Amino acid sequence: IRTVATEIVQAVQSTVNGNDWLSRETKTSLRTKIQRTQIQVGYPEYILNDSYINNLSET
């Protein structure tokens, strides 16, 4: 799954780099955002917490 996510990020980078209608500033901004992207696979630990789940059902 991480490989697929990494390939998606690379494809987005390639699309930005190959785009001729975006300004240089916009491309730079997009590259920065892409580099800061964090790939998270799975679920957060709090999902396994019973009290968290019970609290959701009470609200």
N, C-alpha and C. Protein backbone atom coordinates (compact mmCIF):
# COMPACT_ATOMS: atom_id res chain seq x y z
N ILE A 1 0.83 -1.19 0.00
CA ILE A 1 0.00 0.00 0.00
C ILE A 1 0.87 1.25 0.00
N ARG A 2 1.95 1.22 0.78
CA ARG A 2 2.85 2.38 0.79
C ARG A 2 3.47 2.60 -0.58
N THR A 3 3.75 1.53 -1.28
CA THR A 3 4.32 1.66 -2.63
C THR A 3 3.34 2.38 -3.54
N VAL A 4 2.08 2.01 -3.48
CA VAL A 4 1.06 2.65 -4.30
C VAL A 4 0.95 4.13 -3.93
N ALA A 5 0.93 4.43 -2.65
CA ALA A 5 0.84 5.82 -2.20
C ALA A 5 2.05 6.62 -2.67
N THR A 6 3.23 6.03 -2.59
CA THR A 6 4.44 6.70 -3.05
C THR A 6 4.38 6.95 -4.55
N GLU A 7 3.88 5.99 -5.29
CA GLU A 7 3.75 6.17 -6.74
C GLU A 7 2.75 7.27 -7.08
N ILE A 8 1.71 7.40 -6.30
CA ILE A 8 0.73 8.47 -6.51
C ILE A 8 1.39 9.83 -6.28
N VAL A 9 2.16 9.94 -5.21
CA VAL A 9 2.87 11.19 -4.92
C VAL A 9 3.83 11.52 -6.06
N GLN A 10 4.56 10.52 -6.56
CA GLN A 10 5.48 10.74 -7.67
C GLN A 10 4.73 11.17 -8.93
N ALA A 11 3.57 10.61 -9.17
CA ALA A 11 2.77 10.99 -10.34
C ALA A 11 2.30 12.43 -10.23
N VAL A 12 1.90 12.83 -9.03
CA VAL A 12 1.48 14.22 -8.83
C VAL A 12 2.65 15.16 -9.05
N GLN A 13 3.83 14.79 -8.54
CA GLN A 13 5.03 15.61 -8.76
C GLN A 13 5.32 15.74 -10.24
N SER A 14 5.23 14.66 -10.95
CA SER A 14 5.49 14.67 -12.39
C SER A 14 4.48 15.55 -13.12
N THR A 15 3.23 15.47 -12.72
CA THR A 15 2.19 16.30 -13.33
C THR A 15 2.46 17.78 -13.10
N VAL A 16 2.83 18.13 -11.88
CA VAL A 16 3.14 19.53 -11.56
C VAL A 16 4.34 19.99 -12.38
N ASN A 17 5.39 19.18 -12.41
CA ASN A 17 6.60 19.56 -13.13
C ASN A 17 6.35 19.72 -14.63
N GLY A 18 5.49 18.90 -15.18
CA GLY A 18 5.24 18.93 -16.61
C GLY A 18 4.17 19.92 -17.04
N ASN A 19 3.57 20.57 -16.08
CA ASN A 19 2.48 21.49 -16.38
C ASN A 19 3.04 22.84 -16.83
N ASP A 20 2.61 23.32 -17.98
CA ASP A 20 3.16 24.58 -18.49
C ASP A 20 2.26 25.79 -18.23
N TRP A 21 1.08 25.60 -17.69
CA TRP A 21 0.22 26.75 -17.44
C TRP A 21 0.27 27.24 -16.00
N LEU A 22 0.97 26.50 -15.12
CA LEU A 22 1.15 26.96 -13.75
C LEU A 22 2.35 27.90 -13.67
N SER A 23 2.25 28.93 -12.86
CA SER A 23 3.37 29.84 -12.68
C SER A 23 4.49 29.14 -11.90
N ARG A 24 5.67 29.69 -11.98
CA ARG A 24 6.81 29.13 -11.24
C ARG A 24 6.53 29.14 -9.74
N GLU A 25 5.93 30.23 -9.26
CA GLU A 25 5.60 30.33 -7.83
C GLU A 25 4.61 29.26 -7.41
N THR A 26 3.61 29.02 -8.23
CA THR A 26 2.61 28.00 -7.92
C THR A 26 3.25 26.62 -7.90
N LYS A 27 4.11 26.35 -8.88
CA LYS A 27 4.80 25.05 -8.91
C LYS A 27 5.65 24.86 -7.67
N THR A 28 6.36 25.91 -7.28
CA THR A 28 7.20 25.83 -6.08
C THR A 28 6.35 25.55 -4.85
N SER A 29 5.23 26.24 -4.74
CA SER A 29 4.33 26.03 -3.61
C SER A 29 3.79 24.60 -3.59
N LEU A 30 3.38 24.11 -4.75
CA LEU A 30 2.87 22.74 -4.84
C LEU A 30 3.94 21.72 -4.50
N ARG A 31 5.16 21.93 -4.98
CA ARG A 31 6.26 21.00 -4.67
C ARG A 31 6.49 20.93 -3.16
N THR A 32 6.45 22.10 -2.51
CA THR A 32 6.64 22.13 -1.06
C THR A 32 5.53 21.35 -0.36
N LYS A 33 4.30 21.55 -0.78
CA LYS A 33 3.17 20.83 -0.18
C LYS A 33 3.29 19.33 -0.41
N ILE A 34 3.71 18.96 -1.61
CA ILE A 34 3.86 17.53 -1.92
C ILE A 34 4.95 16.91 -1.05
N GLN A 35 6.06 17.62 -0.87
CA GLN A 35 7.16 17.10 -0.05
C GLN A 35 6.75 16.96 1.41
N ARG A 36 5.84 17.80 1.86
CA ARG A 36 5.39 17.75 3.26
C ARG A 36 4.28 16.73 3.50
N THR A 37 3.80 16.13 2.43
CA THR A 37 2.73 15.15 2.55
C THR A 37 3.20 13.94 3.35
N GLN A 38 2.42 13.53 4.30
CA GLN A 38 2.73 12.36 5.10
C GLN A 38 1.80 11.23 4.70
N ILE A 39 2.40 10.11 4.37
CA ILE A 39 1.61 8.93 4.00
C ILE A 39 1.33 8.15 5.27
N GLN A 40 0.06 7.98 5.58
CA GLN A 40 -0.34 7.23 6.76
C GLN A 40 -1.22 6.07 6.32
N VAL A 41 -0.78 4.88 6.66
CA VAL A 41 -1.51 3.68 6.26
C VAL A 41 -2.01 3.00 7.53
N GLY A 42 -3.25 2.60 7.52
CA GLY A 42 -3.81 1.91 8.67
C GLY A 42 -4.81 2.79 9.39
N TYR A 43 -4.87 2.66 10.68
CA TYR A 43 -5.83 3.39 11.49
C TYR A 43 -5.13 3.88 12.75
N PRO A 44 -5.64 4.95 13.35
CA PRO A 44 -5.03 5.46 14.57
C PRO A 44 -5.29 4.52 15.75
N GLU A 45 -4.39 4.52 16.70
CA GLU A 45 -4.49 3.63 17.86
C GLU A 45 -5.77 3.86 18.68
N TYR A 46 -6.26 5.11 18.72
CA TYR A 46 -7.43 5.38 19.55
C TYR A 46 -8.68 4.64 19.07
N ILE A 47 -8.66 4.17 17.84
CA ILE A 47 -9.81 3.40 17.33
C ILE A 47 -9.98 2.11 18.13
N LEU A 48 -8.89 1.56 18.64
CA LEU A 48 -8.96 0.32 19.41
C LEU A 48 -9.37 0.56 20.86
N ASN A 49 -9.51 1.81 21.26
CA ASN A 49 -9.85 2.16 22.63
C ASN A 49 -11.37 2.06 22.81
N ASP A 50 -11.80 1.13 23.64
CA ASP A 50 -13.24 0.90 23.85
C ASP A 50 -13.96 2.15 24.37
N SER A 51 -13.32 2.89 25.26
CA SER A 51 -13.99 4.07 25.81
C SER A 51 -14.20 5.12 24.73
N TYR A 52 -13.30 5.22 23.78
CA TYR A 52 -13.48 6.14 22.66
C TYR A 52 -14.71 5.75 21.84
N ILE A 53 -14.81 4.48 21.53
CA ILE A 53 -15.94 3.98 20.74
C ILE A 53 -17.25 4.16 21.52
N ASN A 54 -17.24 3.83 22.80
CA ASN A 54 -18.45 3.99 23.62
C ASN A 54 -18.88 5.45 23.70
N ASN A 55 -17.92 6.35 23.80
CA ASN A 55 -18.23 7.77 23.86
C ASN A 55 -18.88 8.23 22.56
N LEU A 56 -18.46 7.70 21.45
CA LEU A 56 -19.06 8.06 20.16
C LEU A 56 -20.53 7.66 20.11
N SER A 57 -20.83 6.49 20.64
CA SER A 57 -22.21 6.00 20.58
C SER A 57 -23.13 6.74 21.55
N GLU A 58 -22.56 7.38 22.56
CA GLU A 58 -23.36 8.12 23.53
C GLU A 58 -23.71 9.52 23.06
N THR A 59 -22.99 10.04 22.11
CA THR A 59 -23.24 11.42 21.66
C THR A 59 -24.16 11.49 20.49
